[in-house]
Amino acid sequence: TGIRTALAQIVAEELHVPMARLEMVLGHTNATPNQGPTIA
């Protein structure tokens, strides 16, 4: 669904950094927040 790109846009916008300089880490157990399953 492209959430790696969409979430990076949101963070880069607020943080004022180029998207190319932002490392977006998704879904890694014990590395990312415990936010439940990916649904809709």
PDB file of all heavy atoms in Angstrom:
ATOM      1  N   THR A   1       0.812  -1.217   0.000  1.00  0.00           N
ATOM      2  CA  THR A   1       0.000   0.000   0.000  1.00  0.00           C
ATOM      3  C   THR A   1       0.848   1.271   0.000  1.00  0.00           C
ATOM      4  O   THR A   1       0.307   2.364  -0.087  1.00  0.00           O
ATOM      5  CB  THR A   1      -0.935   0.023   1.219  1.00  0.00           C
ATOM      6  OG1 THR A   1      -0.153  -0.129   2.414  1.00  0.00           O
ATOM      7  CG2 THR A   1      -1.937  -1.110   1.155  1.00  0.00           C
ATOM      8  N   GLY A   2       2.163   1.139   0.144  1.00  0.00           N
ATOM      9  CA  GLY A   2       3.039   2.306   0.075  1.00  0.00           C
ATOM     10  C   GLY A   2       3.207   3.053   1.379  1.00  0.00           C
ATOM     11  O   GLY A   2       3.594   4.224   1.372  1.00  0.00           O
ATOM     12  N   ILE A   3       2.954   2.390   2.528  1.00  0.00           N
ATOM     13  CA  ILE A   3       3.043   3.139   3.783  1.00  0.00           C
ATOM     14  C   ILE A   3       4.479   3.522   4.131  1.00  0.00           C
ATOM     15  O   ILE A   3       4.694   4.469   4.881  1.00  0.00           O
ATOM     16  CB  ILE A   3       2.396   2.385   4.963  1.00  0.00           C
ATOM     17  CG1 ILE A   3       3.177   1.118   5.321  1.00  0.00           C
ATOM     18  CG2 ILE A   3       0.943   2.079   4.695  1.00  0.00           C
ATOM     19  CD1 ILE A   3       2.780   0.531   6.658  1.00  0.00           C
ATOM     20  N   ARG A   4       5.469   2.789   3.604  1.00  0.00           N
ATOM     21  CA  ARG A   4       6.850   3.209   3.866  1.00  0.00           C
ATOM     22  C   ARG A   4       7.089   4.615   3.321  1.00  0.00           C
ATOM     23  O   ARG A   4       7.750   5.439   3.950  1.00  0.00           O
ATOM     24  CB  ARG A   4       7.838   2.221   3.242  1.00  0.00           C
ATOM     25  CG  ARG A   4       9.305   2.567   3.546  1.00  0.00           C
ATOM     26  CD  ARG A   4      10.256   1.571   2.915  1.00  0.00           C
ATOM     27  NE  ARG A   4      10.132   0.240   3.472  1.00  0.00           N
ATOM     28  CZ  ARG A   4      10.684  -0.157   4.613  1.00  0.00           C
ATOM     29  NH1 ARG A   4      11.398   0.708   5.335  1.00  0.00           N
ATOM     30  NH2 ARG A   4      10.538  -1.374   5.045  1.00  0.00           N
ATOM     31  N   THR A   5       6.543   4.893   2.159  1.00  0.00           N
ATOM     32  CA  THR A   5       6.674   6.220   1.566  1.00  0.00           C
ATOM     33  C   THR A   5       5.808   7.235   2.294  1.00  0.00           C
ATOM     34  O   THR A   5       6.265   8.335   2.635  1.00  0.00           O
ATOM     35  CB  THR A   5       6.277   6.183   0.079  1.00  0.00           C
ATOM     36  OG1 THR A   5       7.045   5.175  -0.588  1.00  0.00           O
ATOM     37  CG2 THR A   5       6.517   7.531  -0.583  1.00  0.00           C
ATOM     38  N   ALA A   6       4.551   6.885   2.556  1.00  0.00           N
ATOM     39  CA  ALA A   6       3.613   7.828   3.180  1.00  0.00           C
ATOM     40  C   ALA A   6       4.055   8.218   4.586  1.00  0.00           C
ATOM     41  O   ALA A   6       4.019   9.396   4.959  1.00  0.00           O
ATOM     42  CB  ALA A   6       2.210   7.224   3.213  1.00  0.00           C
ATOM     43  N   LEU A   7       4.478   7.250   5.389  1.00  0.00           N
ATOM     44  CA  LEU A   7       4.934   7.551   6.746  1.00  0.00           C
ATOM     45  C   LEU A   7       6.211   8.382   6.716  1.00  0.00           C
ATOM     46  O   LEU A   7       6.407   9.276   7.547  1.00  0.00           O
ATOM     47  CB  LEU A   7       5.157   6.258   7.529  1.00  0.00           C
ATOM     48  CG  LEU A   7       3.901   5.449   7.852  1.00  0.00           C
ATOM     49  CD1 LEU A   7       4.260   4.096   8.458  1.00  0.00           C
ATOM     50  CD2 LEU A   7       2.983   6.215   8.796  1.00  0.00           C
ATOM     51  N   ALA A   8       7.090   8.097   5.765  1.00  0.00           N
ATOM     52  CA  ALA A   8       8.316   8.892   5.628  1.00  0.00           C
ATOM     53  C   ALA A   8       7.981  10.338   5.272  1.00  0.00           C
ATOM     54  O   ALA A   8       8.640  11.269   5.755  1.00  0.00           O
ATOM     55  CB  ALA A   8       9.223   8.267   4.570  1.00  0.00           C
ATOM     56  N   GLN A   9       6.967  10.537   4.434  1.00  0.00           N
ATOM     57  CA  GLN A   9       6.543  11.906   4.115  1.00  0.00           C
ATOM     58  C   GLN A   9       6.122  12.651   5.378  1.00  0.00           C
ATOM     59  O   GLN A   9       6.484  13.817   5.583  1.00  0.00           O
ATOM     60  CB  GLN A   9       5.367  11.884   3.132  1.00  0.00           C
ATOM     61  CG  GLN A   9       5.732  11.609   1.693  1.00  0.00           C
ATOM     62  CD  GLN A   9       4.497  11.610   0.807  1.00  0.00           C
ATOM     63  OE1 GLN A   9       3.888  10.567   0.600  1.00  0.00           O
ATOM     64  NE2 GLN A   9       4.120  12.752   0.304  1.00  0.00           N
ATOM     65  N   ILE A  10       5.345  11.980   6.221  1.00  0.00           N
ATOM     66  CA  ILE A  10       4.827  12.610   7.443  1.00  0.00           C
ATOM     67  C   ILE A  10       5.967  12.998   8.377  1.00  0.00           C
ATOM     68  O   ILE A  10       6.010  14.116   8.906  1.00  0.00           O
ATOM     69  CB  ILE A  10       3.847  11.648   8.140  1.00  0.00           C
ATOM     70  CG1 ILE A  10       2.577  11.483   7.288  1.00  0.00           C
ATOM     71  CG2 ILE A  10       3.485  12.144   9.534  1.00  0.00           C
ATOM     72  CD1 ILE A  10       1.656  10.374   7.741  1.00  0.00           C
ATOM     73  N   VAL A  11       6.913  12.089   8.574  1.00  0.00           N
ATOM     74  CA  VAL A  11       8.032  12.359   9.475  1.00  0.00           C
ATOM     75  C   VAL A  11       8.956  13.422   8.889  1.00  0.00           C
ATOM     76  O   VAL A  11       9.360  14.368   9.583  1.00  0.00           O
ATOM     77  CB  VAL A  11       8.815  11.067   9.766  1.00  0.00           C
ATOM     78  CG1 VAL A  11      10.052  11.369  10.616  1.00  0.00           C
ATOM     79  CG2 VAL A  11       7.928  10.059  10.484  1.00  0.00           C
ATOM     80  N   ALA A  12       9.317  13.274   7.626  1.00  0.00           N
ATOM     81  CA  ALA A  12      10.225  14.232   6.994  1.00  0.00           C
ATOM     82  C   ALA A  12       9.620  15.631   6.991  1.00  0.00           C
ATOM     83  O   ALA A  12      10.340  16.629   7.139  1.00  0.00           O
ATOM     84  CB  ALA A  12      10.544  13.780   5.578  1.00  0.00           C
ATOM     85  N   GLU A  13       8.308  15.721   6.842  1.00  0.00           N
ATOM     86  CA  GLU A  13       7.631  17.016   6.855  1.00  0.00           C
ATOM     87  C   GLU A  13       7.811  17.704   8.207  1.00  0.00           C
ATOM     88  O   GLU A  13       8.198  18.883   8.279  1.00  0.00           O
ATOM     89  CB  GLU A  13       6.144  16.813   6.569  1.00  0.00           C
ATOM     90  CG  GLU A  13       5.343  18.080   6.411  1.00  0.00           C
ATOM     91  CD  GLU A  13       5.573  18.756   5.077  1.00  0.00           C
ATOM     92  OE1 GLU A  13       5.019  18.292   4.066  1.00  0.00           O
ATOM     93  OE2 GLU A  13       6.321  19.771   5.061  1.00  0.00           O
ATOM     94  N   GLU A  14       7.510  17.005   9.282  1.00  0.00           N
ATOM     95  CA  GLU A  14       7.601  17.595  10.619  1.00  0.00           C
ATOM     96  C   GLU A  14       9.047  17.827  11.058  1.00  0.00           C
ATOM     97  O   GLU A  14       9.343  18.791  11.757  1.00  0.00           O
ATOM     98  CB  GLU A  14       6.895  16.702  11.636  1.00  0.00           C
ATOM     99  CG  GLU A  14       5.382  16.634  11.488  1.00  0.00           C
ATOM    100  CD  GLU A  14       4.689  17.925  11.894  1.00  0.00           C
ATOM    101  OE1 GLU A  14       5.324  18.792  12.529  1.00  0.00           O
ATOM    102  OE2 GLU A  14       3.491  18.083  11.568  1.00  0.00           O
ATOM    103  N   LEU A  15       9.938  16.946  10.647  1.00  0.00           N
ATOM    104  CA  LEU A  15      11.326  17.014  11.102  1.00  0.00           C
ATOM    105  C   LEU A  15      12.180  17.919  10.220  1.00  0.00           C
ATOM    106  O   LEU A  15      13.312  18.255  10.580  1.00  0.00           O
ATOM    107  CB  LEU A  15      11.916  15.595  11.134  1.00  0.00           C
ATOM    108  CG  LEU A  15      13.189  15.347  11.919  1.00  0.00           C
ATOM    109  CD1 LEU A  15      13.065  15.822  13.361  1.00  0.00           C
ATOM    110  CD2 LEU A  15      13.560  13.866  11.872  1.00  0.00           C
ATOM    111  N   HIS A  16      11.653  18.314   9.062  1.00  0.00           N
ATOM    112  CA  HIS A  16      12.374  19.177   8.122  1.00  0.00           C
ATOM    113  C   HIS A  16      13.664  18.519   7.650  1.00  0.00           C
ATOM    114  O   HIS A  16      14.755  19.109   7.710  1.00  0.00           O
ATOM    115  CB  HIS A  16      12.670  20.543   8.752  1.00  0.00           C
ATOM    116  CG  HIS A  16      11.473  21.408   8.917  1.00  0.00           C
ATOM    117  ND1 HIS A  16      11.161  22.449   8.065  1.00  0.00           N
ATOM    118  CD2 HIS A  16      10.483  21.385   9.833  1.00  0.00           C
ATOM    119  CE1 HIS A  16      10.043  23.034   8.459  1.00  0.00           C
ATOM    120  NE2 HIS A  16       9.606  22.399   9.534  1.00  0.00           N
ATOM    121  N   VAL A  17      13.532  17.276   7.172  1.00  0.00           N
ATOM    122  CA  VAL A  17      14.680  16.580   6.595  1.00  0.00           C
ATOM    123  C   VAL A  17      14.291  16.069   5.214  1.00  0.00           C
ATOM    124  O   VAL A  17      13.113  15.814   4.951  1.00  0.00           O
ATOM    125  CB  VAL A  17      15.145  15.402   7.479  1.00  0.00           C
ATOM    126  CG1 VAL A  17      15.577  15.898   8.846  1.00  0.00           C
ATOM    127  CG2 VAL A  17      14.069  14.337   7.605  1.00  0.00           C
ATOM    128  N   PRO A  18      15.257  15.904   4.310  1.00  0.00           N
ATOM    129  CA  PRO A  18      14.940  15.319   3.004  1.00  0.00           C
ATOM    130  C   PRO A  18      14.500  13.869   3.175  1.00  0.00           C
ATOM    131  O   PRO A  18      15.048  13.140   4.011  1.00  0.00           O
ATOM    132  CB  PRO A  18      16.271  15.405   2.243  1.00  0.00           C
ATOM    133  CG  PRO A  18      17.110  16.386   3.003  1.00  0.00           C
ATOM    134  CD  PRO A  18      16.679  16.287   4.426  1.00  0.00           C
ATOM    135  N   MET A  19      13.545  13.432   2.394  1.00  0.00           N
ATOM    136  CA  MET A  19      13.093  12.051   2.501  1.00  0.00           C
ATOM    137  C   MET A  19      14.218  11.066   2.254  1.00  0.00           C
ATOM    138  O   MET A  19      14.259   9.993   2.857  1.00  0.00           O
ATOM    139  CB  MET A  19      11.939  11.791   1.533  1.00  0.00           C
ATOM    140  CG  MET A  19      10.610  12.326   2.023  1.00  0.00           C
ATOM    141  SD  MET A  19       9.228  11.781   1.005  1.00  0.00           S
ATOM    142  CE  MET A  19       9.296  10.009   1.181  1.00  0.00           C
ATOM    143  N   ALA A  20      15.154  11.426   1.375  1.00  0.00           N
ATOM    144  CA  ALA A  20      16.256  10.525   1.069  1.00  0.00           C
ATOM    145  C   ALA A  20      17.187  10.318   2.265  1.00  0.00           C
ATOM    146  O   ALA A  20      17.942   9.346   2.302  1.00  0.00           O
ATOM    147  CB  ALA A  20      17.056  11.064  -0.122  1.00  0.00           C
ATOM    148  N   ARG A  21      17.125  11.229   3.249  1.00  0.00           N
ATOM    149  CA  ARG A  21      17.996  11.120   4.415  1.00  0.00           C
ATOM    150  C   ARG A  21      17.316  10.433   5.591  1.00  0.00           C
ATOM    151  O   ARG A  21      17.922  10.235   6.647  1.00  0.00           O
ATOM    152  CB  ARG A  21      18.433  12.536   4.860  1.00  0.00           C
ATOM    153  CG  ARG A  21      19.312  13.279   3.864  1.00  0.00           C
ATOM    154  CD  ARG A  21      20.688  12.637   3.742  1.00  0.00           C
ATOM    155  NE  ARG A  21      21.329  12.474   5.037  1.00  0.00           N
ATOM    156  CZ  ARG A  21      22.030  13.436   5.652  1.00  0.00           C
ATOM    157  NH1 ARG A  21      22.150  14.631   5.089  1.00  0.00           N
ATOM    158  NH2 ARG A  21      22.617  13.208   6.807  1.00  0.00           N
ATOM    159  N   LEU A  22      16.061  10.057   5.435  1.00  0.00           N
ATOM    160  CA  LEU A  22      15.310   9.444   6.529  1.00  0.00           C
ATOM    161  C   LEU A  22      15.249   7.936   6.344  1.00  0.00           C
ATOM    162  O   LEU A  22      14.832   7.447   5.298  1.00  0.00           O
ATOM    163  CB  LEU A  22      13.884  10.010   6.571  1.00  0.00           C
ATOM    164  CG  LEU A  22      12.963   9.424   7.645  1.00  0.00           C
ATOM    165  CD1 LEU A  22      13.428   9.833   9.038  1.00  0.00           C
ATOM    166  CD2 LEU A  22      11.522   9.870   7.414  1.00  0.00           C
ATOM    167  N   GLU A  23      15.649   7.193   7.360  1.00  0.00           N
ATOM    168  CA  GLU A  23      15.561   5.736   7.344  1.00  0.00           C
ATOM    169  C   GLU A  23      14.261   5.332   8.032  1.00  0.00           C
ATOM    170  O   GLU A  23      14.083   5.567   9.218  1.00  0.00           O
ATOM    171  CB  GLU A  23      16.759   5.107   8.064  1.00  0.00           C
ATOM    172  CG  GLU A  23      18.098   5.440   7.432  1.00  0.00           C
ATOM    173  CD  GLU A  23      19.253   4.887   8.243  1.00  0.00           C
ATOM    174  OE1 GLU A  23      19.170   3.710   8.676  1.00  0.00           O
ATOM    175  OE2 GLU A  23      20.228   5.621   8.466  1.00  0.00           O
ATOM    176  N   MET A  24      13.363   4.718   7.245  1.00  0.00           N
ATOM    177  CA  MET A  24      12.060   4.311   7.774  1.00  0.00           C
ATOM    178  C   MET A  24      12.122   2.823   8.104  1.00  0.00           C
ATOM    179  O   MET A  24      12.331   1.993   7.221  1.00  0.00           O
ATOM    180  CB  MET A  24      10.988   4.577   6.713  1.00  0.00           C
ATOM    181  CG  MET A  24       9.576   4.540   7.221  1.00  0.00           C
ATOM    182  SD  MET A  24       9.154   5.974   8.205  1.00  0.00           S
ATOM    183  CE  MET A  24       8.433   5.168   9.625  1.00  0.00           C
ATOM    184  N   VAL A  25      11.970   2.481   9.375  1.00  0.00           N
ATOM    185  CA  VAL A  25      12.047   1.085   9.818  1.00  0.00           C
ATOM    186  C   VAL A  25      10.640   0.617  10.173  1.00  0.00           C
ATOM    187  O   VAL A  25       9.982   1.213  11.032  1.00  0.00           O
ATOM    188  CB  VAL A  25      12.983   0.942  11.034  1.00  0.00           C
ATOM    189  CG1 VAL A  25      13.103  -0.531  11.436  1.00  0.00           C
ATOM    190  CG2 VAL A  25      14.364   1.518  10.704  1.00  0.00           C
ATOM    191  N   LEU A  26      10.193  -0.458   9.535  1.00  0.00           N
ATOM    192  CA  LEU A  26       8.828  -0.945   9.722  1.00  0.00           C
ATOM    193  C   LEU A  26       8.816  -2.375  10.252  1.00  0.00           C
ATOM    194  O   LEU A  26       9.603  -3.219   9.819  1.00  0.00           O
ATOM    195  CB  LEU A  26       8.061  -0.920   8.395  1.00  0.00           C
ATOM    196  CG  LEU A  26       7.903   0.419   7.684  1.00  0.00           C
ATOM    197  CD1 LEU A  26       7.161   0.221   6.366  1.00  0.00           C
ATOM    198  CD2 LEU A  26       7.178   1.414   8.559  1.00  0.00           C
ATOM    199  N   GLY A  27       7.911  -2.628  11.192  1.00  0.00           N
ATOM    200  CA  GLY A  27       7.536  -3.980  11.560  1.00  0.00           C
ATOM    201  C   GLY A  27       8.600  -4.893  12.126  1.00  0.00           C
ATOM    202  O   GLY A  27       8.424  -6.106  12.086  1.00  0.00           O
ATOM    203  N   HIS A  28       9.692  -4.367  12.652  1.00  0.00           N
ATOM    204  CA  HIS A  28      10.725  -5.238  13.210  1.00  0.00           C
ATOM    205  C   HIS A  28      10.484  -5.444  14.703  1.00  0.00           C
ATOM    206  O   HIS A  28      10.550  -4.503  15.487  1.00  0.00           O
ATOM    207  CB  HIS A  28      12.125  -4.644  12.982  1.00  0.00           C
ATOM    208  CG  HIS A  28      12.645  -4.902  11.611  1.00  0.00           C
ATOM    209  ND1 HIS A  28      13.632  -5.827  11.355  1.00  0.00           N
ATOM    210  CD2 HIS A  28      12.306  -4.384  10.413  1.00  0.00           C
ATOM    211  CE1 HIS A  28      13.880  -5.858  10.056  1.00  0.00           C
ATOM    212  NE2 HIS A  28      13.091  -4.986   9.469  1.00  0.00           N
ATOM    213  N   THR A  29      10.221  -6.686  15.083  1.00  0.00           N
ATOM    214  CA  THR A  29       9.967  -6.994  16.483  1.00  0.00           C
ATOM    215  C   THR A  29      11.138  -6.537  17.346  1.00  0.00           C
ATOM    216  O   THR A  29      12.284  -6.779  17.028  1.00  0.00           O
ATOM    217  CB  THR A  29       9.761  -8.512  16.652  1.00  0.00           C
ATOM    218  OG1 THR A  29       8.713  -8.932  15.794  1.00  0.00           O
ATOM    219  CG2 THR A  29       9.400  -8.852  18.086  1.00  0.00           C
ATOM    220  N   ASN A  30      10.826  -5.887  18.452  1.00  0.00           N
ATOM    221  CA  ASN A  30      11.798  -5.352  19.412  1.00  0.00           C
ATOM    222  C   ASN A  30      12.570  -4.149  18.887  1.00  0.00           C
ATOM    223  O   ASN A  30      13.388  -3.588  19.610  1.00  0.00           O
ATOM    224  CB  ASN A  30      12.786  -6.425  19.890  1.00  0.00           C
ATOM    225  CG  ASN A  30      12.215  -7.301  20.979  1.00  0.00           C
ATOM    226  OD1 ASN A  30      11.270  -6.916  21.655  1.00  0.00           O
ATOM    227  ND2 ASN A  30      12.773  -8.483  21.158  1.00  0.00           N
ATOM    228  N   ALA A  31      12.344  -3.743  17.649  1.00  0.00           N
ATOM    229  CA  ALA A  31      12.980  -2.528  17.150  1.00  0.00           C
ATOM    230  C   ALA A  31      11.954  -1.436  16.900  1.00  0.00           C
ATOM    231  O   ALA A  31      12.282  -0.260  16.938  1.00  0.00           O
ATOM    232  CB  ALA A  31      13.757  -2.810  15.859  1.00  0.00           C
ATOM    233  N   THR A  32      10.714  -1.830  16.657  1.00  0.00           N
ATOM    234  CA  THR A  32       9.667  -0.852  16.374  1.00  0.00           C
ATOM    235  C   THR A  32       8.599  -0.905  17.464  1.00  0.00           C
ATOM    236  O   THR A  32       8.485  -1.894  18.183  1.00  0.00           O
ATOM    237  CB  THR A  32       9.014  -1.129  15.012  1.00  0.00           C
ATOM    238  OG1 THR A  32       8.462  -2.449  15.011  1.00  0.00           O
ATOM    239  CG2 THR A  32      10.035  -1.011  13.884  1.00  0.00           C
ATOM    240  N   PRO A  33       7.788   0.156  17.592  1.00  0.00           N
ATOM    241  CA  PRO A  33       6.723   0.157  18.606  1.00  0.00           C
ATOM    242  C   PRO A  33       5.742  -0.996  18.410  1.00  0.00           C
ATOM    243  O   PRO A  33       5.487  -1.423  17.279  1.00  0.00           O
ATOM    244  CB  PRO A  33       6.031   1.512  18.389  1.00  0.00           C
ATOM    245  CG  PRO A  33       7.067   2.359  17.741  1.00  0.00           C
ATOM    246  CD  PRO A  33       7.871   1.439  16.865  1.00  0.00           C
ATOM    247  N   ASN A  34       5.205  -1.479  19.503  1.00  0.00           N
ATOM    248  CA  ASN A  34       4.245  -2.577  19.478  1.00  0.00           C
ATOM    249  C   ASN A  34       2.870  -1.987  19.183  1.00  0.00           C
ATOM    250  O   ASN A  34       2.145  -1.586  20.086  1.00  0.00           O
ATOM    251  CB  ASN A  34       4.256  -3.296  20.826  1.00  0.00           C
ATOM    252  CG  ASN A  34       3.454  -4.593  20.799  1.00  0.00           C
ATOM    253  OD1 ASN A  34       2.922  -4.983  19.778  1.00  0.00           O
ATOM    254  ND2 ASN A  34       3.385  -5.261  21.927  1.00  0.00           N
ATOM    255  N   GLN A  35       2.498  -1.922  17.899  1.00  0.00           N
ATOM    256  CA  GLN A  35       1.274  -1.247  17.481  1.00  0.00           C
ATOM    257  C   GLN A  35       0.237  -2.183  16.891  1.00  0.00           C
ATOM    258  O   GLN A  35      -0.693  -1.739  16.222  1.00  0.00           O
ATOM    259  CB  GLN A  35       1.624  -0.133  16.485  1.00  0.00           C
ATOM    260  CG  GLN A  35       2.439   0.984  17.131  1.00  0.00           C
ATOM    261  CD  GLN A  35       2.949   2.007  16.141  1.00  0.00           C
ATOM    262  OE1 GLN A  35       3.728   1.688  15.252  1.00  0.00           O
ATOM    263  NE2 GLN A  35       2.502   3.248  16.288  1.00  0.00           N
ATOM    264  N   GLY A  36       0.394  -3.480  17.120  1.00  0.00           N
ATOM    265  CA  GLY A  36      -0.614  -4.413  16.646  1.00  0.00           C
ATOM    266  C   GLY A  36      -0.466  -4.732  15.172  1.00  0.00           C
ATOM    267  O   GLY A  36       0.512  -4.346  14.520  1.00  0.00           O
ATOM    268  N   PRO A  37      -1.445  -5.441  14.602  1.00  0.00           N
ATOM    269  CA  PRO A  37      -1.341  -5.912  13.225  1.00  0.00           C
ATOM    270  C   PRO A  37      -1.551  -4.797  12.211  1.00  0.00           C
ATOM    271  O   PRO A  37      -2.128  -3.760  12.505  1.00  0.00           O
ATOM    272  CB  PRO A  37      -2.462  -6.949  13.130  1.00  0.00           C
ATOM    273  CG  PRO A  37      -3.484  -6.463  14.116  1.00  0.00           C
ATOM    274  CD  PRO A  37      -2.703  -5.868  15.251  1.00  0.00           C
ATOM    275  N   THR A  38      -1.049  -5.038  11.000  1.00  0.00           N
ATOM    276  CA  THR A  38      -1.259  -4.118   9.886  1.00  0.00           C
ATOM    277  C   THR A  38      -2.612  -4.430   9.267  1.00  0.00           C
ATOM    278  O   THR A  38      -2.788  -5.461   8.631  1.00  0.00           O
ATOM    279  CB  THR A  38      -0.148  -4.284   8.838  1.00  0.00           C
ATOM    280  OG1 THR A  38       1.124  -4.133   9.483  1.00  0.00           O
ATOM    281  CG2 THR A  38      -0.287  -3.268   7.725  1.00  0.00           C
ATOM    282  N   ILE A  39      -3.578  -3.536   9.473  1.00  0.00           N
ATOM    283  CA  ILE A  39      -4.952  -3.779   9.011  1.00  0.00           C
ATOM    284  C   ILE A  39      -5.485  -2.525   8.316  1.00  0.00           C
ATOM    285  O   ILE A  39      -5.436  -1.426   8.873  1.00  0.00           O
ATOM    286  CB  ILE A  39      -5.880  -4.141  10.183  1.00  0.00           C
ATOM    287  CG1 ILE A  39      -5.443  -5.463  10.831  1.00  0.00           C
ATOM    288  CG2 ILE A  39      -7.322  -4.255   9.713  1.00  0.00           C
ATOM    289  CD1 ILE A  39      -6.250  -5.825  12.052  1.00  0.00           C
ATOM    290  N   ALA A  40      -5.981  -2.728   7.087  1.00  0.00           N
ATOM    291  CA  ALA A  40      -6.677  -1.667   6.349  1.00  0.00           C
ATOM    292  C   ALA A  40      -5.898  -0.355   6.391  1.00  0.00           C
ATOM    293  O   ALA A  40      -4.706  -0.325   6.108  1.00  0.00           O
ATOM    294  CB  ALA A  40      -8.096  -1.507   6.891  1.00  0.00           C
TER     295      ALA A  40
END
